[in-house]
Amino acid sequence: MWGQAYGKYDVESGRQPLYPMMLESPELRWSFIRKIYTIISIQLLLTVAVAALVVTVHPISHFFATTSAGLALYILLIITPFIVLCPLYYYYQRHPLNYFLLGLFTVSLAFAVGLTCSYTSGKVILEAALLTAVVVVSLTLYTFWAAKRGQDFNFLGPFLFGAVVVLMFFSIIQIFFPLGKVSVMIYGGLASIIFCGYIVYDTDNLIKRYTYDEFIWAAIALYLDIINLFLSLLTLFRAADN
């Protein structure tokens, strides 16, 4: 009994709490966190592979840009992730169907990302990718550090949701009433800040709130945060480069 109490908060044993007043087992939470980041890493590698294929094989982007069938398929690829979320909501605990649906979600989104990158210069893509990687790692480390010291970011939820709603209406206005280069840069900058906030918010939820059965939703949330941050920075840099 004394041995267990002594090792309870031993850093080397991996049992140190992730945040003050932590009631669950740190080992189980760390195992859950490692599982989530493994899934996200696979998703990102798959996204990079699919996007690179779309960008480098020019007939693919040419097909989507010049044919009506390509346009229809592009629209289908955009709405497929939202369609997949419906069955995933019911089967997120059923293995291996949940992983199959997650893979379908990732591949369809990766094609959309690849098509977006295919009309962008390689320099802009590289800049956006590098900055995304730096920001994600920095914010992740900061959130773990802040949670360790008792900070809680749950209050960001309503503000971020409201910001995304404003961002969506802003983008709709941009489609019908283009406001020019400066407007696009403002959109990209605001979107980047918002999704930086979402990375902190969802990482905090990963540390404290997601249950062990919700690993699919935790992975999707952080994956979407990273992809949206990359696309926002891509929009910003592309507008600045023109």
C-alpha atoms as a PDB file:
ATOM      1  CA  MET A   1       0.000   0.000   0.000  1.00  0.00           C
ATOM      2  CA  TRP A   2       2.814   2.437   0.922  1.00  0.00           C
ATOM      3  CA  GLY A   3       4.633   1.518  -2.271  1.00  0.00           C
ATOM      4  CA  GLN A   4       1.573   2.457  -4.337  1.00  0.00           C
ATOM      5  CA  ALA A   5       1.160   5.757  -2.518  1.00  0.00           C
ATOM      6  CA  TYR A   6       4.822   6.583  -2.975  1.00  0.00           C
ATOM      7  CA  GLY A   7       4.702   5.942  -6.702  1.00  0.00           C
ATOM      8  CA  LYS A   8       1.413   7.677  -7.239  1.00  0.00           C
ATOM      9  CA  TYR A   9       2.912  10.963  -8.400  1.00  0.00           C
ATOM     10  CA  ASP A  10       6.314   9.704  -9.490  1.00  0.00           C
ATOM     11  CA  VAL A  11       7.234  11.378 -12.787  1.00  0.00           C
ATOM     12  CA  GLU A  12       9.354   8.465 -13.949  1.00  0.00           C
ATOM     13  CA  SER A  13       6.527   6.006 -13.391  1.00  0.00           C
ATOM     14  CA  GLY A  14       4.284   8.012 -15.731  1.00  0.00           C
ATOM     15  CA  ARG A  15       1.675   8.431 -12.999  1.00  0.00           C
ATOM     16  CA  GLN A  16       1.950  12.161 -12.493  1.00  0.00           C
ATOM     17  CA  PRO A  17      -1.513  13.807 -12.897  1.00  0.00           C
ATOM     18  CA  LEU A  18      -2.053  15.800 -16.066  1.00  0.00           C
ATOM     19  CA  TYR A  19      -3.933  18.522 -14.184  1.00  0.00           C
ATOM     20  CA  PRO A  20      -4.725  19.363 -10.536  1.00  0.00           C
ATOM     21  CA  MET A  21      -7.482  17.344  -8.830  1.00  0.00           C
ATOM     22  CA  MET A  22      -7.278  14.627 -11.474  1.00  0.00           C
ATOM     23  CA  LEU A  23      -9.450  11.717 -10.294  1.00  0.00           C
ATOM     24  CA  GLU A  24      -8.924   9.187 -13.088  1.00  0.00           C
ATOM     25  CA  SER A  25      -5.846   7.050 -13.669  1.00  0.00           C
ATOM     26  CA  PRO A  26      -3.051   9.062 -15.362  1.00  0.00           C
ATOM     27  CA  GLU A  27      -1.798   5.871 -17.053  1.00  0.00           C
ATOM     28  CA  LEU A  28      -5.174   5.292 -18.718  1.00  0.00           C
ATOM     29  CA  ARG A  29      -5.480   8.918 -19.817  1.00  0.00           C
ATOM     30  CA  TRP A  30      -1.941   8.922 -21.234  1.00  0.00           C
ATOM     31  CA  SER A  31      -2.716   5.703 -23.105  1.00  0.00           C
ATOM     32  CA  PHE A  32      -5.852   7.345 -24.520  1.00  0.00           C
ATOM     33  CA  ILE A  33      -3.892  10.441 -25.569  1.00  0.00           C
ATOM     34  CA  ARG A  34      -1.213   8.345 -27.302  1.00  0.00           C
ATOM     35  CA  LYS A  35      -3.942   6.460 -29.170  1.00  0.00           C
ATOM     36  CA  ILE A  36      -5.518   9.713 -30.384  1.00  0.00           C
ATOM     37  CA  TYR A  37      -2.243  11.168 -31.625  1.00  0.00           C
ATOM     38  CA  THR A  38      -1.405   7.893 -33.367  1.00  0.00           C
ATOM     39  CA  ILE A  39      -4.713   8.014 -35.232  1.00  0.00           C
ATOM     40  CA  ILE A  40      -4.213  11.686 -36.118  1.00  0.00           C
ATOM     41  CA  SER A  41      -0.675  10.996 -37.363  1.00  0.00           C
ATOM     42  CA  ILE A  42      -2.003   8.274 -39.671  1.00  0.00           C
ATOM     43  CA  GLN A  43      -4.750  10.615 -40.881  1.00  0.00           C
ATOM     44  CA  LEU A  44      -2.256  13.367 -41.644  1.00  0.00           C
ATOM     45  CA  LEU A  45       0.110  11.002 -43.449  1.00  0.00           C
ATOM     46  CA  LEU A  46      -2.805   9.713 -45.521  1.00  0.00           C
ATOM     47  CA  THR A  47      -3.876  13.287 -46.251  1.00  0.00           C
ATOM     48  CA  VAL A  48      -0.377  14.265 -47.370  1.00  0.00           C
ATOM     49  CA  ALA A  49      -0.128  11.177 -49.609  1.00  0.00           C
ATOM     50  CA  VAL A  50      -3.513  11.733 -51.288  1.00  0.00           C
ATOM     51  CA  ALA A  51      -3.011  15.502 -51.620  1.00  0.00           C
ATOM     52  CA  ALA A  52       0.475  14.986 -53.086  1.00  0.00           C
ATOM     53  CA  LEU A  53      -0.973  12.532 -55.632  1.00  0.00           C
ATOM     54  CA  VAL A  54      -3.617  15.051 -56.690  1.00  0.00           C
ATOM     55  CA  VAL A  55      -1.081  17.891 -56.955  1.00  0.00           C
ATOM     56  CA  THR A  56       1.644  15.997 -58.834  1.00  0.00           C
ATOM     57  CA  VAL A  57      -0.569  14.006 -61.227  1.00  0.00           C
ATOM     58  CA  HIS A  58      -1.887  16.902 -63.313  1.00  0.00           C
ATOM     59  CA  PRO A  59      -4.559  14.933 -65.248  1.00  0.00           C
ATOM     60  CA  ILE A  60      -6.449  14.523 -61.957  1.00  0.00           C
ATOM     61  CA  SER A  61      -6.777  18.257 -61.294  1.00  0.00           C
ATOM     62  CA  HIS A  62      -7.386  18.849 -65.012  1.00  0.00           C
ATOM     63  CA  PHE A  63     -10.285  16.370 -64.945  1.00  0.00           C
ATOM     64  CA  PHE A  64     -11.885  18.132 -61.967  1.00  0.00           C
ATOM     65  CA  ALA A  65     -11.385  21.592 -63.455  1.00  0.00           C
ATOM     66  CA  THR A  66     -12.507  21.048 -67.045  1.00  0.00           C
ATOM     67  CA  THR A  67     -15.294  18.443 -67.043  1.00  0.00           C
ATOM     68  CA  SER A  68     -18.832  18.454 -65.710  1.00  0.00           C
ATOM     69  CA  ALA A  69     -18.275  14.973 -64.277  1.00  0.00           C
ATOM     70  CA  GLY A  70     -15.238  16.285 -62.457  1.00  0.00           C
ATOM     71  CA  LEU A  71     -17.256  19.155 -60.997  1.00  0.00           C
ATOM     72  CA  ALA A  72     -19.961  16.739 -59.838  1.00  0.00           C
ATOM     73  CA  LEU A  73     -17.329  14.468 -58.297  1.00  0.00           C
ATOM     74  CA  TYR A  74     -15.702  17.454 -56.592  1.00  0.00           C
ATOM     75  CA  ILE A  75     -19.021  18.441 -55.014  1.00  0.00           C
ATOM     76  CA  LEU A  76     -19.500  14.818 -53.924  1.00  0.00           C
ATOM     77  CA  LEU A  77     -16.038  14.795 -52.324  1.00  0.00           C
ATOM     78  CA  ILE A  78     -16.854  17.969 -50.411  1.00  0.00           C
ATOM     79  CA  ILE A  79     -20.126  16.639 -48.971  1.00  0.00           C
ATOM     80  CA  THR A  80     -18.892  13.067 -48.381  1.00  0.00           C
ATOM     81  CA  PRO A  81     -17.201  13.857 -45.028  1.00  0.00           C
ATOM     82  CA  PHE A  82     -20.472  15.311 -43.729  1.00  0.00           C
ATOM     83  CA  ILE A  83     -22.409  12.282 -44.994  1.00  0.00           C
ATOM     84  CA  VAL A  84     -19.935   9.873 -43.371  1.00  0.00           C
ATOM     85  CA  LEU A  85     -20.368  11.580 -39.993  1.00  0.00           C
ATOM     86  CA  CYS A  86     -23.991  10.371 -39.858  1.00  0.00           C
ATOM     87  CA  PRO A  87     -23.284   6.597 -39.767  1.00  0.00           C
ATOM     88  CA  LEU A  88     -20.139   7.281 -37.763  1.00  0.00           C
ATOM     89  CA  TYR A  89     -22.328   8.826 -35.058  1.00  0.00           C
ATOM     90  CA  TYR A  90     -24.051   5.465 -34.570  1.00  0.00           C
ATOM     91  CA  TYR A  91     -21.135   3.108 -35.185  1.00  0.00           C
ATOM     92  CA  TYR A  92     -18.189   4.980 -33.643  1.00  0.00           C
ATOM     93  CA  GLN A  93     -17.714   2.145 -31.125  1.00  0.00           C
ATOM     94  CA  ARG A  94     -18.115  -0.733 -33.576  1.00  0.00           C
ATOM     95  CA  HIS A  95     -14.740  -2.068 -34.717  1.00  0.00           C
ATOM     96  CA  PRO A  96     -13.597  -2.239 -37.548  1.00  0.00           C
ATOM     97  CA  LEU A  97     -16.500  -0.326 -39.138  1.00  0.00           C
ATOM     98  CA  ASN A  98     -15.579   2.824 -37.225  1.00  0.00           C
ATOM     99  CA  TYR A  99     -12.040   2.794 -38.654  1.00  0.00           C
ATOM    100  CA  PHE A 100     -13.359   2.180 -42.172  1.00  0.00           C
ATOM    101  CA  LEU A 101     -15.696   5.169 -41.904  1.00  0.00           C
ATOM    102  CA  LEU A 102     -12.902   7.263 -40.426  1.00  0.00           C
ATOM    103  CA  GLY A 103     -10.657   6.298 -43.348  1.00  0.00           C
ATOM    104  CA  LEU A 104     -13.373   7.222 -45.853  1.00  0.00           C
ATOM    105  CA  PHE A 105     -13.835  10.550 -44.071  1.00  0.00           C
ATOM    106  CA  THR A 106     -10.097  11.243 -44.214  1.00  0.00           C
ATOM    107  CA  VAL A 107      -9.565  10.244 -47.854  1.00  0.00           C
ATOM    108  CA  SER A 108     -12.504  12.299 -49.157  1.00  0.00           C
ATOM    109  CA  LEU A 109     -11.315  15.337 -47.210  1.00  0.00           C
ATOM    110  CA  ALA A 110      -7.744  14.738 -48.405  1.00  0.00           C
ATOM    111  CA  PHE A 111      -8.906  14.860 -52.027  1.00  0.00           C
ATOM    112  CA  ALA A 112     -10.571  18.217 -51.387  1.00  0.00           C
ATOM    113  CA  VAL A 113      -7.382  19.503 -49.750  1.00  0.00           C
ATOM    114  CA  GLY A 114      -5.319  18.220 -52.674  1.00  0.00           C
ATOM    115  CA  LEU A 115      -7.542  19.964 -55.207  1.00  0.00           C
ATOM    116  CA  THR A 116      -7.217  23.205 -53.265  1.00  0.00           C
ATOM    117  CA  CYS A 117      -3.427  22.852 -53.231  1.00  0.00           C
ATOM    118  CA  SER A 118      -3.284  21.991 -56.949  1.00  0.00           C
ATOM    119  CA  TYR A 119      -4.130  25.606 -57.810  1.00  0.00           C
ATOM    120  CA  THR A 120      -1.524  26.998 -55.416  1.00  0.00           C
ATOM    121  CA  SER A 121       2.221  27.460 -55.863  1.00  0.00           C
ATOM    122  CA  GLY A 122       4.562  25.024 -54.147  1.00  0.00           C
ATOM    123  CA  LYS A 123       6.191  27.833 -52.142  1.00  0.00           C
ATOM    124  CA  VAL A 124       2.864  28.867 -50.609  1.00  0.00           C
ATOM    125  CA  ILE A 125       1.962  25.255 -49.793  1.00  0.00           C
ATOM    126  CA  LEU A 126       5.324  24.711 -48.098  1.00  0.00           C
ATOM    127  CA  GLU A 127       5.025  27.937 -46.083  1.00  0.00           C
ATOM    128  CA  ALA A 128       1.509  27.053 -44.916  1.00  0.00           C
ATOM    129  CA  ALA A 129       2.491  23.470 -44.048  1.00  0.00           C
ATOM    130  CA  LEU A 130       5.588  24.482 -42.076  1.00  0.00           C
ATOM    131  CA  LEU A 131       3.764  27.200 -40.143  1.00  0.00           C
ATOM    132  CA  THR A 132       0.885  24.812 -39.426  1.00  0.00           C
ATOM    133  CA  ALA A 133       3.291  22.231 -38.009  1.00  0.00           C
ATOM    134  CA  VAL A 134       5.045  24.809 -35.809  1.00  0.00           C
ATOM    135  CA  VAL A 135       1.763  26.260 -34.520  1.00  0.00           C
ATOM    136  CA  VAL A 136       0.180  22.859 -33.799  1.00  0.00           C
ATOM    137  CA  VAL A 137       3.198  21.582 -31.862  1.00  0.00           C
ATOM    138  CA  SER A 138       3.566  24.858 -29.956  1.00  0.00           C
ATOM    139  CA  LEU A 139      -0.110  25.098 -28.995  1.00  0.00           C
ATOM    140  CA  THR A 140      -0.246  21.428 -28.011  1.00  0.00           C
ATOM    141  CA  LEU A 141       2.759  21.764 -25.707  1.00  0.00           C
ATOM    142  CA  TYR A 142       1.369  25.000 -24.275  1.00  0.00           C
ATOM    143  CA  THR A 143      -2.029  23.431 -23.546  1.00  0.00           C
ATOM    144  CA  PHE A 144      -0.474  20.477 -21.720  1.00  0.00           C
ATOM    145  CA  TRP A 145       1.735  22.899 -19.756  1.00  0.00           C
ATOM    146  CA  ALA A 146      -1.197  25.167 -18.896  1.00  0.00           C
ATOM    147  CA  ALA A 147      -3.448  22.246 -17.911  1.00  0.00           C
ATOM    148  CA  LYS A 148      -0.701  21.007 -15.599  1.00  0.00           C
ATOM    149  CA  ARG A 149      -0.859  24.368 -13.821  1.00  0.00           C
ATOM    150  CA  GLY A 150      -4.619  24.357 -13.433  1.00  0.00           C
ATOM    151  CA  GLN A 151      -5.659  26.370 -16.479  1.00  0.00           C
ATOM    152  CA  ASP A 152      -8.981  25.414 -18.047  1.00  0.00           C
ATOM    153  CA  PHE A 153     -10.014  26.359 -21.585  1.00  0.00           C
ATOM    154  CA  ASN A 154     -13.578  25.065 -21.576  1.00  0.00           C
ATOM    155  CA  PHE A 155     -14.843  28.662 -21.563  1.00  0.00           C
ATOM    156  CA  LEU A 156     -13.587  29.073 -25.152  1.00  0.00           C
ATOM    157  CA  GLY A 157     -16.329  26.810 -26.555  1.00  0.00           C
ATOM    158  CA  PRO A 158     -19.155  29.366 -27.006  1.00  0.00           C
ATOM    159  CA  PHE A 159     -16.823  32.086 -28.285  1.00  0.00           C
ATOM    160  CA  LEU A 160     -15.232  29.778 -30.861  1.00  0.00           C
ATOM    161  CA  PHE A 161     -18.611  28.504 -32.037  1.00  0.00           C
ATOM    162  CA  GLY A 162     -19.833  32.062 -32.527  1.00  0.00           C
ATOM    163  CA  ALA A 163     -16.631  32.958 -34.371  1.00  0.00           C
ATOM    164  CA  VAL A 164     -17.061  30.001 -36.752  1.00  0.00           C
ATOM    165  CA  VAL A 165     -20.650  31.068 -37.505  1.00  0.00           C
ATOM    166  CA  VAL A 166     -19.422  34.578 -38.372  1.00  0.00           C
ATOM    167  CA  LEU A 167     -16.652  33.045 -40.487  1.00  0.00           C
ATOM    168  CA  MET A 168     -19.145  30.897 -42.410  1.00  0.00           C
ATOM    169  CA  PHE A 169     -21.368  33.877 -43.238  1.00  0.00           C
ATOM    170  CA  PHE A 170     -18.302  35.891 -44.187  1.00  0.00           C
ATOM    171  CA  SER A 171     -17.261  33.180 -46.656  1.00  0.00           C
ATOM    172  CA  ILE A 172     -20.787  33.021 -48.122  1.00  0.00           C
ATOM    173  CA  ILE A 173     -20.734  36.795 -48.643  1.00  0.00           C
ATOM    174  CA  GLN A 174     -17.333  36.417 -50.311  1.00  0.00           C
ATOM    175  CA  ILE A 175     -18.768  33.914 -52.791  1.00  0.00           C
ATOM    176  CA  PHE A 176     -21.593  36.176 -53.967  1.00  0.00           C
ATOM    177  CA  PHE A 177     -19.967  39.570 -53.367  1.00  0.00           C
ATOM    178  CA  PRO A 178     -16.171  39.266 -53.694  1.00  0.00           C
ATOM    179  CA  LEU A 179     -14.499  41.990 -51.662  1.00  0.00           C
ATOM    180  CA  GLY A 180     -10.983  41.691 -53.072  1.00  0.00           C
ATOM    181  CA  LYS A 181      -7.524  40.650 -51.950  1.00  0.00           C
ATOM    182  CA  VAL A 182      -7.533  42.495 -48.624  1.00  0.00           C
ATOM    183  CA  SER A 183     -10.825  40.868 -47.650  1.00  0.00           C
ATOM    184  CA  VAL A 184      -9.446  37.406 -48.440  1.00  0.00           C
ATOM    185  CA  MET A 185      -6.363  38.100 -46.345  1.00  0.00           C
ATOM    186  CA  ILE A 186      -8.538  39.258 -43.433  1.00  0.00           C
ATOM    187  CA  TYR A 187     -10.620  36.090 -43.773  1.00  0.00           C
ATOM    188  CA  GLY A 188      -7.520  33.881 -43.788  1.00  0.00           C
ATOM    189  CA  GLY A 189      -6.014  35.672 -40.795  1.00  0.00           C
ATOM    190  CA  LEU A 190      -9.206  35.531 -38.709  1.00  0.00           C
ATOM    191  CA  ALA A 191      -9.779  31.872 -39.608  1.00  0.00           C
ATOM    192  CA  SER A 192      -6.207  31.016 -38.596  1.00  0.00           C
ATOM    193  CA  ILE A 193      -6.688  32.644 -35.178  1.00  0.00           C
ATOM    194  CA  ILE A 194     -10.030  30.885 -34.653  1.00  0.00           C
ATOM    195  CA  PHE A 195      -8.646  27.441 -35.447  1.00  0.00           C
ATOM    196  CA  CYS A 196      -5.634  28.086 -33.226  1.00  0.00           C
ATOM    197  CA  GLY A 197      -8.191  28.586 -30.468  1.00  0.00           C
ATOM    198  CA  TYR A 198      -9.902  25.335 -31.439  1.00  0.00           C
ATOM    199  CA  ILE A 199      -6.611  23.428 -31.201  1.00  0.00           C
ATOM    200  CA  VAL A 200      -6.177  24.655 -27.614  1.00  0.00           C
ATOM    201  CA  TYR A 201      -9.844  23.956 -26.790  1.00  0.00           C
ATOM    202  CA  ASP A 202      -9.915  20.426 -28.249  1.00  0.00           C
ATOM    203  CA  THR A 203      -6.526  19.527 -26.758  1.00  0.00           C
ATOM    204  CA  ASP A 204      -7.833  20.614 -23.366  1.00  0.00           C
ATOM    205  CA  ASN A 205     -10.882  18.402 -23.910  1.00  0.00           C
ATOM    206  CA  LEU A 206      -8.575  15.547 -24.878  1.00  0.00           C
ATOM    207  CA  ILE A 207      -6.717  15.912 -21.587  1.00  0.00           C
ATOM    208  CA  LYS A 208      -9.774  16.259 -19.352  1.00  0.00           C
ATOM    209  CA  ARG A 209     -13.161  15.514 -20.896  1.00  0.00           C
ATOM    210  CA  TYR A 210     -13.256  12.986 -23.723  1.00  0.00           C
ATOM    211  CA  THR A 211     -14.223   9.531 -22.501  1.00  0.00           C
ATOM    212  CA  TYR A 212     -12.177   6.547 -23.601  1.00  0.00           C
ATOM    213  CA  ASP A 213     -14.978   5.421 -25.954  1.00  0.00           C
ATOM    214  CA  GLU A 214     -14.905   8.763 -27.796  1.00  0.00           C
ATOM    215  CA  PHE A 215     -11.485   8.325 -29.386  1.00  0.00           C
ATOM    216  CA  ILE A 216     -12.964   8.624 -32.901  1.00  0.00           C
ATOM    217  CA  TRP A 217     -14.541  12.011 -32.150  1.00  0.00           C
ATOM    218  CA  ALA A 218     -11.427  13.265 -30.373  1.00  0.00           C
ATOM    219  CA  ALA A 219      -9.298  12.346 -33.400  1.00  0.00           C
ATOM    220  CA  ILE A 220     -11.757  13.932 -35.856  1.00  0.00           C
ATOM    221  CA  ALA A 221     -11.938  17.162 -33.844  1.00  0.00           C
ATOM    222  CA  LEU A 222      -8.171  17.688 -33.708  1.00  0.00           C
ATOM    223  CA  TYR A 223      -7.662  16.511 -37.288  1.00  0.00           C
ATOM    224  CA  LEU A 224     -10.225  19.038 -38.550  1.00  0.00           C
ATOM    225  CA  ASP A 225      -8.585  21.773 -36.466  1.00  0.00           C
ATOM    226  CA  ILE A 226      -5.223  21.066 -38.098  1.00  0.00           C
ATOM    227  CA  ILE A 227      -6.630  20.843 -41.635  1.00  0.00           C
ATOM    228  CA  ASN A 228      -8.672  24.022 -41.236  1.00  0.00           C
ATOM    229  CA  LEU A 229      -5.659  25.871 -39.839  1.00  0.00           C
ATOM    230  CA  PHE A 230      -3.593  24.759 -42.837  1.00  0.00           C
ATOM    231  CA  LEU A 231      -6.299  25.828 -45.315  1.00  0.00           C
ATOM    232  CA  SER A 232      -6.697  29.185 -43.554  1.00  0.00           C
ATOM    233  CA  LEU A 233      -2.960  29.865 -43.725  1.00  0.00           C
ATOM    234  CA  LEU A 234      -2.970  28.690 -47.351  1.00  0.00           C
ATOM    235  CA  THR A 235      -5.696  31.231 -48.128  1.00  0.00           C
ATOM    236  CA  LEU A 236      -3.773  33.986 -46.357  1.00  0.00           C
ATOM    237  CA  PHE A 237      -0.432  33.260 -48.022  1.00  0.00           C
ATOM    238  CA  ARG A 238      -1.988  32.735 -51.453  1.00  0.00           C
ATOM    239  CA  ALA A 239      -3.749  36.114 -51.282  1.00  0.00           C
ATOM    240  CA  ALA A 240      -0.528  37.787 -50.126  1.00  0.00           C
ATOM    241  CA  ASP A 241       1.467  36.087 -52.896  1.00  0.00           C
ATOM    242  CA  ASN A 242      -0.801  37.332 -55.718  1.00  0.00           C
END
